[in-house]
Each structure stands twice: as structure tokens, then as C-alpha cells.
Protein backbone atom coordinates (compact mmCIF):
# COMPACT_ATOMS: atom_id res chain seq x y z
CA UNK A 1 163.86 59.92 204.42
CA UNK A 2 164.94 63.48 203.56
CA UNK A 3 161.75 64.00 201.50
CA UNK A 4 159.56 62.88 204.43
CA UNK A 5 161.48 65.18 206.79
CA UNK A 6 161.06 68.13 204.41
CA UNK A 7 157.31 67.44 204.17
CA UNK A 8 156.89 67.50 207.94
CA UNK A 9 158.87 70.74 208.14
CA UNK A 10 156.70 72.43 205.50
CA UNK A 11 153.39 71.01 206.80
CA UNK A 12 152.97 73.60 209.62
CA UNK A 13 153.48 76.40 207.11
CA UNK A 14 150.86 74.93 204.77
CA UNK A 15 148.39 74.55 207.61
CA UNK A 16 149.04 78.14 208.74
CA UNK A 17 148.44 79.50 205.23
CA UNK A 18 145.24 77.46 204.92
CA UNK A 19 144.01 78.72 208.28
CA UNK A 20 144.83 82.33 207.33
CA UNK A 21 142.91 81.96 204.03
CA UNK A 22 139.94 80.39 205.82
CA UNK A 23 139.96 83.23 208.35
CA UNK A 24 140.06 85.87 205.58
CA UNK A 25 137.13 84.18 203.80
CA UNK A 26 135.20 83.89 207.06
CA UNK A 27 135.41 87.66 207.50
CA UNK A 28 133.09 88.13 204.53
CA UNK A 29 129.52 88.13 205.85
CA UNK A 30 126.94 85.64 204.70
CA UNK A 31 124.12 87.76 203.25
CA UNK A 32 120.65 86.32 202.67
CA UNK A 33 119.55 88.90 200.08
CA UNK A 34 118.68 88.02 196.49
CA UNK A 35 121.00 90.87 195.51
CA UNK A 36 123.20 93.20 197.52
CA UNK A 37 126.06 95.66 197.30
CA UNK A 38 128.40 97.44 199.69
CA UNK A 39 129.39 100.63 197.90
CA UNK A 40 131.99 103.26 198.76
CA UNK A 41 130.50 106.73 198.32
CA UNK A 42 133.94 108.34 198.41
CA UNK A 43 135.54 106.44 195.53
CA UNK A 44 132.50 105.03 193.74
CA UNK A 45 133.83 101.50 194.14
CA UNK A 46 132.10 98.24 195.06
CA UNK A 47 133.61 96.60 198.14
CA UNK A 48 131.36 93.55 198.29
CA UNK A 49 128.42 92.41 196.17
CA UNK A 50 126.26 89.65 194.72
CA UNK A 51 123.90 89.94 191.75
CA UNK A 52 124.34 93.71 192.00
CA UNK A 53 123.30 94.30 188.37
CA UNK A 54 120.26 92.00 188.38
CA UNK A 55 116.99 93.83 187.65
CA UNK A 56 114.60 93.45 190.58
CA UNK A 57 111.71 95.22 192.25
CA UNK A 58 112.84 97.80 194.84
CA UNK A 59 109.48 98.59 196.50
CA UNK A 60 109.36 101.81 198.57
CA UNK A 61 113.09 102.49 198.33
CA UNK A 62 111.76 104.15 195.14
CA UNK A 63 110.79 107.06 197.39
CA UNK A 64 114.46 108.07 197.64
CA UNK A 65 114.08 109.42 194.12
CA UNK A 66 110.58 110.80 194.69
CA UNK A 67 111.50 112.64 197.87
CA UNK A 68 114.72 113.98 196.33
CA UNK A 69 112.82 115.55 193.41
CA UNK A 70 110.25 116.83 195.90
CA UNK A 71 112.90 118.47 198.10
CA UNK A 72 114.55 120.07 195.10
CA UNK A 73 111.26 121.75 194.24
CA UNK A 74 110.68 122.68 197.88
CA UNK A 75 114.09 124.30 198.29
CA UNK A 76 113.25 126.99 195.74
CA UNK A 77 109.81 127.82 197.16
CA UNK A 78 108.25 125.45 199.67
CA UNK A 79 104.86 125.67 198.03
CA UNK A 80 101.70 124.29 199.53
CA UNK A 81 99.88 121.26 198.17
CA UNK A 82 96.16 120.65 198.60
CA UNK A 83 95.46 116.96 198.95
CA UNK A 84 92.76 115.52 196.65
CA UNK A 85 91.03 112.15 196.29
CA UNK A 86 93.14 111.52 193.19
CA UNK A 87 96.22 111.46 195.41
CA UNK A 88 94.96 108.69 197.71
CA UNK A 89 96.92 105.44 197.65
CA UNK A 90 96.86 101.96 199.10
CA UNK A 91 99.36 100.78 201.65
CA UNK A 92 101.51 102.88 203.97
CA UNK A 93 100.23 106.40 204.53
CA UNK A 94 100.57 109.80 206.10
CA UNK A 95 96.78 109.51 206.47
CA UNK A 96 96.14 112.65 204.48
CA UNK A 97 92.53 113.56 203.74
CA UNK A 98 90.98 115.44 200.85
CA UNK A 99 91.23 119.15 201.62
CA UNK A 100 94.34 118.86 203.80
CA UNK A 101 97.05 121.35 202.87
CA UNK A 102 100.74 120.55 203.49
CA UNK A 103 104.08 121.79 202.20
CA UNK A 104 106.15 119.93 199.63
CA UNK A 105 108.89 119.43 202.22
CA UNK A 106 106.31 117.80 204.51
CA UNK A 107 105.42 115.32 201.76
CA UNK A 108 109.11 114.38 201.53
CA UNK A 109 109.14 113.91 205.31
CA UNK A 110 106.12 111.63 205.09
CA UNK A 111 107.79 109.54 202.40
CA UNK A 112 111.12 109.14 204.16
CA UNK A 113 109.69 108.35 207.61
CA UNK A 114 106.43 106.37 207.38
CA UNK A 115 106.79 105.66 203.64
CA UNK A 116 103.57 107.50 202.79
CA UNK A 117 102.23 106.36 199.44
CA UNK A 118 99.71 109.19 199.61
CA UNK A 119 102.59 111.63 200.06
CA UNK A 120 104.39 110.16 197.03
CA UNK A 121 101.27 110.43 194.86
CA UNK A 122 100.61 113.98 196.03
CA UNK A 123 104.17 115.05 195.26
CA UNK A 124 104.10 113.38 191.84
CA UNK A 125 100.88 115.10 190.78
CA UNK A 126 101.87 118.45 192.29
CA UNK A 127 105.22 118.46 190.48
CA UNK A 128 104.53 116.52 187.27
CA UNK A 129 100.82 117.07 186.77
CA UNK A 130 100.27 113.32 186.48
CA UNK A 131 102.04 110.24 187.84
CA UNK A 132 103.09 109.30 184.30
CA UNK A 133 104.76 112.66 183.67
CA UNK A 134 106.45 112.51 187.06
CA UNK A 135 107.76 109.01 186.27
CA UNK A 136 109.33 110.53 183.15
CA UNK A 137 111.12 113.07 185.35
CA UNK A 138 112.32 110.23 187.59
CA UNK A 139 113.73 108.32 184.62
CA UNK A 140 115.43 111.41 183.22
CA UNK A 141 117.20 111.92 186.52
CA UNK A 142 118.09 108.22 186.72
CA UNK A 143 119.91 108.52 183.40
CA UNK A 144 121.82 111.57 184.64
CA UNK A 145 122.92 109.63 187.72
CA UNK A 146 124.05 106.65 185.64
CA UNK A 147 121.34 104.21 186.70
CA UNK A 148 121.53 102.16 183.50
CA UNK A 149 119.34 99.26 184.62
CA UNK A 150 116.48 101.16 186.24
CA UNK A 151 112.98 102.10 185.12
CA UNK A 152 110.50 104.00 187.29
CA UNK A 153 106.74 103.69 186.77
CA UNK A 154 105.22 104.60 190.13
CA UNK A 155 106.32 107.34 192.57
CA UNK A 156 105.63 105.13 195.60
CA UNK A 157 107.21 101.86 194.55
CA UNK A 158 104.05 99.77 194.35
CA UNK A 159 104.79 96.67 192.27
CA UNK A 160 104.59 96.93 188.49
CA UNK A 161 106.26 94.63 185.93
CA UNK A 162 108.09 97.59 184.36
CA UNK A 163 109.16 99.14 187.67
CA UNK A 164 112.62 97.84 188.56
CA UNK A 165 116.19 98.67 189.50
CA UNK A 166 119.34 96.94 190.73
CA UNK A 167 121.26 96.95 193.98
CA UNK A 168 124.10 98.84 192.27
CA UNK A 169 121.80 101.47 190.74
CA UNK A 170 120.08 102.07 194.08
CA UNK A 171 123.50 102.63 195.66
CA UNK A 172 124.21 105.24 192.98
CA UNK A 173 120.86 106.90 193.76
CA UNK A 174 121.50 107.02 197.51
CA UNK A 175 124.99 108.40 196.95
CA UNK A 176 123.57 111.12 194.67
CA UNK A 177 120.70 111.94 197.04
CA UNK A 178 123.02 112.31 200.04
CA UNK A 179 124.76 115.19 198.24
CA UNK A 180 121.54 117.15 198.71
CA UNK A 181 121.79 118.76 202.17
CA UNK A 182 118.02 118.79 202.74
CA UNK A 183 117.76 115.09 201.89
CA UNK A 184 120.76 114.15 204.05
CA UNK A 185 119.31 116.04 207.00
CA UNK A 186 115.86 114.49 206.56
CA UNK A 187 116.96 110.88 206.13
CA UNK A 188 119.04 111.04 209.33
CA UNK A 189 116.04 111.93 211.52
CA UNK A 190 114.40 109.28 213.68
CA UNK A 191 111.14 111.25 213.66
CA UNK A 192 109.67 114.33 212.01
CA UNK A 193 106.83 116.56 213.23
CA UNK A 194 104.61 118.05 210.52
CA UNK A 195 102.49 121.13 211.12
CA UNK A 196 99.64 121.07 208.61
CA UNK A 197 98.82 124.32 206.82
CA UNK A 198 95.20 123.16 206.89
CA UNK A 199 93.72 122.28 209.29
CA UNK A 200 95.94 124.70 211.21
CA UNK A 201 95.64 122.92 214.54
CA UNK A 202 96.64 119.58 213.05
CA UNK A 203 100.14 118.46 214.07
CA UNK A 204 101.50 114.94 213.58
CA UNK A 205 104.80 113.29 214.51
CA UNK A 206 105.93 110.55 212.14
CA UNK A 207 108.46 107.97 213.35
CA UNK A 208 111.05 106.75 210.86
CA UNK A 209 110.65 103.12 209.78
CA UNK A 210 114.42 102.86 209.29
CA UNK A 211 115.31 100.99 212.47
CA UNK A 212 118.99 100.94 211.55
CA UNK A 213 119.24 104.55 212.77
CA UNK A 214 118.78 103.15 216.29
CA UNK A 215 120.37 99.74 215.80
CA UNK A 216 123.67 100.88 214.29
CA UNK A 217 125.44 103.96 215.64
CA UNK A 218 127.20 104.85 212.39
CA UNK A 219 124.05 104.82 210.24
CA UNK A 220 123.37 108.20 208.61
CA UNK A 221 120.11 107.47 206.79
CA UNK A 222 118.20 105.18 204.49
CA UNK A 223 114.86 103.94 203.22
CA UNK A 224 112.90 100.75 203.77
CA UNK A 225 110.65 98.96 201.30
CA UNK A 226 108.38 95.94 201.08
CA UNK A 227 105.79 94.41 198.81
CA UNK A 228 104.72 90.80 198.62
CA UNK A 229 106.34 90.38 195.21
CA UNK A 230 109.65 92.15 195.95
CA UNK A 231 110.24 91.03 199.50
CA UNK A 232 112.05 93.25 201.99
CA UNK A 233 114.27 95.94 200.45
CA UNK A 234 116.59 98.30 202.28
CA UNK A 235 118.96 101.10 201.25
CA UNK A 236 121.10 102.70 203.97
CA UNK A 237 124.21 104.82 204.43
CA UNK A 238 126.84 104.91 207.17
CA UNK A 239 130.00 106.82 207.99
CA UNK A 240 132.93 106.00 210.27
CA UNK A 241 136.33 107.70 210.57
CA UNK A 242 135.84 109.59 207.33
CA UNK A 243 134.79 106.59 205.24
CA UNK A 244 131.28 106.79 203.74
CA UNK A 245 129.58 103.54 202.74
CA UNK A 246 126.20 102.61 201.28
CA UNK A 247 124.53 99.22 201.63
CA UNK A 248 121.67 97.95 199.48
CA UNK A 249 119.80 94.65 199.90
CA UNK A 250 116.92 93.52 197.68
CA UNK A 251 114.59 90.64 198.60
CA UNK A 252 116.25 90.10 201.97
CA UNK A 253 114.46 88.42 204.89
CA UNK A 254 117.22 89.47 207.31
CA UNK A 255 117.96 93.00 206.11
CA UNK A 256 118.72 94.76 209.41
CA UNK A 257 121.39 92.29 210.50
CA UNK A 258 122.74 91.97 206.97
CA UNK A 259 123.31 95.72 206.72
CA UNK A 260 125.12 95.76 210.06
CA UNK A 261 127.25 92.82 208.93
CA UNK A 262 128.11 94.58 205.67
CA UNK A 263 129.12 97.77 207.45
CA UNK A 264 131.18 95.91 210.03
CA UNK A 265 133.00 94.13 207.22
CA UNK A 266 133.58 97.41 205.39
CA UNK A 267 134.81 99.45 208.33
CA UNK A 268 136.98 96.64 209.73
CA UNK A 269 138.74 95.93 206.43
CA UNK A 270 138.87 99.30 204.69
CA UNK A 271 140.05 102.78 205.57
CA UNK A 272 139.51 106.24 204.14
CA UNK A 273 142.65 107.20 202.25
CA UNK A 274 143.44 110.77 201.25
CA UNK A 275 146.85 111.86 199.91
CA UNK A 276 149.02 113.74 202.38
CA UNK A 277 150.17 116.59 200.12
CA UNK A 278 151.29 120.14 200.76
CA UNK A 279 148.44 122.58 201.08
CA UNK A 280 150.00 124.90 198.47
CA UNK A 281 152.78 124.91 195.85
CA UNK A 282 154.49 127.82 194.11
CA UNK A 283 154.90 127.89 190.34
CA UNK A 284 157.01 130.47 188.49
CA UNK A 285 155.25 132.62 185.88
CA UNK A 286 156.79 134.10 182.72
CA UNK A 287 155.29 137.09 180.93
CA UNK A 288 153.51 138.50 183.97
CA UNK A 289 154.41 141.04 186.64
CA UNK A 290 153.68 138.26 189.13
CA UNK A 291 156.82 136.20 189.58
CA UNK A 292 154.92 133.15 190.81
CA UNK A 293 151.42 131.90 191.58
CA UNK A 294 149.94 129.43 194.02
CA UNK A 295 148.86 125.96 192.94
CA UNK A 296 146.66 124.01 195.31
CA UNK A 297 144.10 121.21 195.49
CA UNK A 298 140.76 122.89 196.25
CA UNK A 299 138.85 119.63 196.59
CA UNK A 300 139.68 116.82 198.97
CA UNK A 301 139.34 113.31 197.58
CA UNK A 302 138.99 110.10 199.54
CA UNK A 303 139.02 106.49 198.44
CA UNK A 304 138.51 103.21 200.25
CA UNK A 305 141.65 101.14 200.67
CA UNK A 306 142.27 97.87 202.39
CA UNK A 307 143.95 98.74 205.65
CA UNK A 308 146.89 96.48 204.77
CA UNK A 309 147.47 98.49 201.55
CA UNK A 310 147.36 102.01 203.00
CA UNK A 311 151.11 102.17 203.67
CA UNK A 312 151.97 100.87 200.19
CA UNK A 313 150.51 103.86 198.35
CA UNK A 314 152.97 106.03 196.44
CA UNK A 315 152.18 109.71 195.90
CA UNK A 316 153.76 111.81 193.14
CA UNK A 317 153.26 115.48 192.33
CA UNK A 318 153.34 116.50 188.66
CA UNK A 319 153.74 120.27 188.39
CA UNK A 320 155.70 122.35 185.86
CA UNK A 321 158.46 124.58 187.14
CA UNK A 322 157.32 127.42 184.85
CA UNK A 323 154.03 128.52 183.24
CA UNK A 324 153.38 131.35 180.80
CA UNK A 325 150.93 134.18 181.31
CA UNK A 326 148.07 134.68 181.12
CA UNK A 327 146.88 132.25 183.80
CA UNK A 328 143.34 132.40 185.18
CA UNK A 329 142.21 131.44 188.65
CA UNK A 330 141.02 127.83 188.53
CA UNK A 331 143.26 126.80 185.61
CA UNK A 332 144.64 123.29 186.06
CA UNK A 333 148.40 123.50 186.48
CA UNK A 334 149.26 119.97 187.53
CA UNK A 335 148.11 116.95 189.47
CA UNK A 336 148.82 114.66 192.38
CA UNK A 337 148.72 110.97 191.47
CA UNK A 338 148.44 108.14 193.99
CA UNK A 339 149.28 104.61 192.87
CA UNK A 340 149.12 101.21 194.52
CA UNK A 341 151.42 98.57 193.05
CA UNK A 342 151.60 100.56 189.83
CA UNK A 343 147.84 101.07 189.49
CA UNK A 344 146.42 104.58 189.73
CA UNK A 345 143.87 104.79 192.54
CA UNK A 346 143.33 108.52 193.02
CA UNK A 347 144.15 111.78 191.24
CA UNK A 348 143.91 115.33 192.53
CA UNK A 349 144.05 118.35 190.23
CA UNK A 350 146.26 121.26 191.28
CA UNK A 351 144.71 124.58 190.26
CA UNK A 352 145.81 128.21 190.13
CA UNK A 353 144.66 130.09 193.21
CA UNK A 354 144.86 133.54 191.57
CA UNK A 355 145.02 135.24 188.19
CA UNK A 356 148.35 135.99 186.51
CA UNK A 357 147.51 138.35 183.61
CA UNK A 358 150.04 139.14 180.91
CA UNK A 359 152.24 142.04 181.95
CA UNK A 360 150.72 144.30 179.28
CA UNK A 361 147.33 143.71 180.90
CA UNK A 362 148.76 145.06 184.14
CA UNK A 363 149.85 148.26 182.40
CA UNK A 364 146.40 148.72 180.79
CA UNK A 365 144.65 148.17 184.12
CA UNK A 366 146.91 150.71 185.82
CA UNK A 367 146.41 153.19 182.97
CA UNK A 368 142.60 153.07 183.14
CA UNK A 369 142.63 153.18 186.93
CA UNK A 370 144.69 156.36 186.67
CA UNK A 371 142.14 157.91 184.29
CA UNK A 372 139.28 157.47 186.71
CA UNK A 373 141.02 158.54 189.90
């Protein structure tokens, strides 16, 4: 009798726990993509994913890399490119004609808005000399970024058996590209107007194919892609309350809604965490005429934390009470370490804000200054 009574007393608690678990699982969106990832640009962590390291075709999202390399060249000297028949391409287009002259930055605009294959070919030949040499430049940069499962063959993303990437690698690429101010500004635009160098009177406005810029208020950019063999591909970025996320879906028939669902999951469940530390610290110096120097964290770091964990973070400052001269501006003096349940989640370096030369250096400086007065 007592056992039965105990069971009925515990049953409501069991049902409540089951319901809570079911609710937590239901919060994760059902994504129809063959592969996807929700990536935190602040911490470099994966918040949600499936098949994120599977090699797949990425179609015109390839142009993120092509336009980035194009903009890097354009930033130094926005040189002009004369369009030739060799640069023509099938599929989506800026509708350039042989003899047209445009700037490199305009080719990037054509790639990131209307996904111009002709713009991608023109940029590749103008920068690399040939598409093959440009593909080599793309792959070199991919290695620098850490895209370990990616190989570029075409600048436009037209299907090729050796042209592939992964959802995770494409998130790395978008994160890297968004650090370029020209790229970030371009990808956020809903339309771009291009004034041709030749013919001079030719002016065209290109509307961005990335509908998420209008559908989702926190979207900050992205690139669409589609071929018959790859299906619909989409790479986008979004920011809300200081948290920067990137979503990638490959072979996804419902990409717009899936990206919104991924972002809603991310922003509802995670928050941007940054340690609340003093702006500056003072450290005593021995062997210098300066009695102390300033230690500070020149770079702000943010990581994505589950909202329920934000208050559990412990922050500790590791800084010596005394350092010995000479100390140079920028020298690392200590660090701020944030841990969650014993696991390190974020570290900030504390650096010297000024020089602290050895005291004999002070005397020499004063001596020579006196000579040239």
C-alpha cells in the first residue's frame, strides 16, 4: 500500500520532467536540409547542426569567396575590367556584353546581388589570368581560413564533381568574409546600382536575390545558390543584441523558413556573454622610474552561452603584483579567465598600455635630449 502511495506521489513529478524534456526538444527546429549548421561568429562554436562536415555541392554560395577576393583587389585600386567573350557564362548574369567596361567592385556587386556568373568569370580572369589559376587562389585562401573539406574549381559555383564544400566550412568562409568591411557593407544591401565605365550612359540597378534581408529583420547578409544537382543552398548571417550568428543550409527545399527557424532558436536560447571586468588595472614596476603601469584588455571578446548558464559563469583575473622593467607597450601581463562549471569558456589577455623602460634607459634618453636642446 505504501509503495503504491509513493508511486502516485512521484508520478506528477515524472510527468512534469517528461513534459519539460519534450518541450526542450520541441524547441529545436526541424530542418529539411541535407546538411546545415548554426554557427556562432563570436566564439566559433556550433550551436546546432546536422551533417555539417559532409562534402556537398554549394552552388553559387561559392561567390562569397570569389567576391571577397575581388573586393580585396578592388580596395587597393578599383581597376577597370573590359568584358570579353571569354568571360561569358551560362546561367544567372549581370548581362555584360563584350566591350563593356566595369570596375572590380561592380563585379563583386553583380555576384552578391543577382549572382552573375559572367561577373564571377570576369573577376577570375582579371585577377588570376585564367579560371584555373584563380581557383588556385581560392583554395589557398580556403586553407588559410581552415576550410579543410573544401575544394574550389569554378569561380561561379557551376556544378563540377571536384567542386565541393561543407556546411561548416561555408560558415567559416562567411565569418571570415564578414570581417572585410567592404564585403559586409555589400552583402547587407537589398539592391546595388552600377554605373558602367563603358558605355558611360549605361546604369543598371541589381536587386539582391537574398530575400532573407526583407523576410527577417536581423539578417545582415548572405548568398543564395542553386543548381539542379546541388539543390537550393543558402548562407546567411544575422545579429541580435550583440550576438552574431551564421546559418548554412545545403540541398534545402525550404531554406528561407529554415534559416529563420535556426535564428529564432539561436537568439531565443543563447545570449552574447562578455566578461564584466575593470577597464584598467595597475601593476607595480621594479627597475623603472615608472612606479606602475596600466594593464587592460584592448580587445572585447564575446561567446554564445545558453541563457540559463549566463549567471553561472565565474570570472577570475590573473595578474602579477609586480613586473620587472623593461616592459613594452602591448606586452601580455596577465589574463582574465571565464569558466562555466569548471570548464574554460573565454580568455582575455591583459596587456601593458605603455612602455616602462629600465631606469638607465630614462637617464640615457634625458642625456641625449639635453645634448640636442
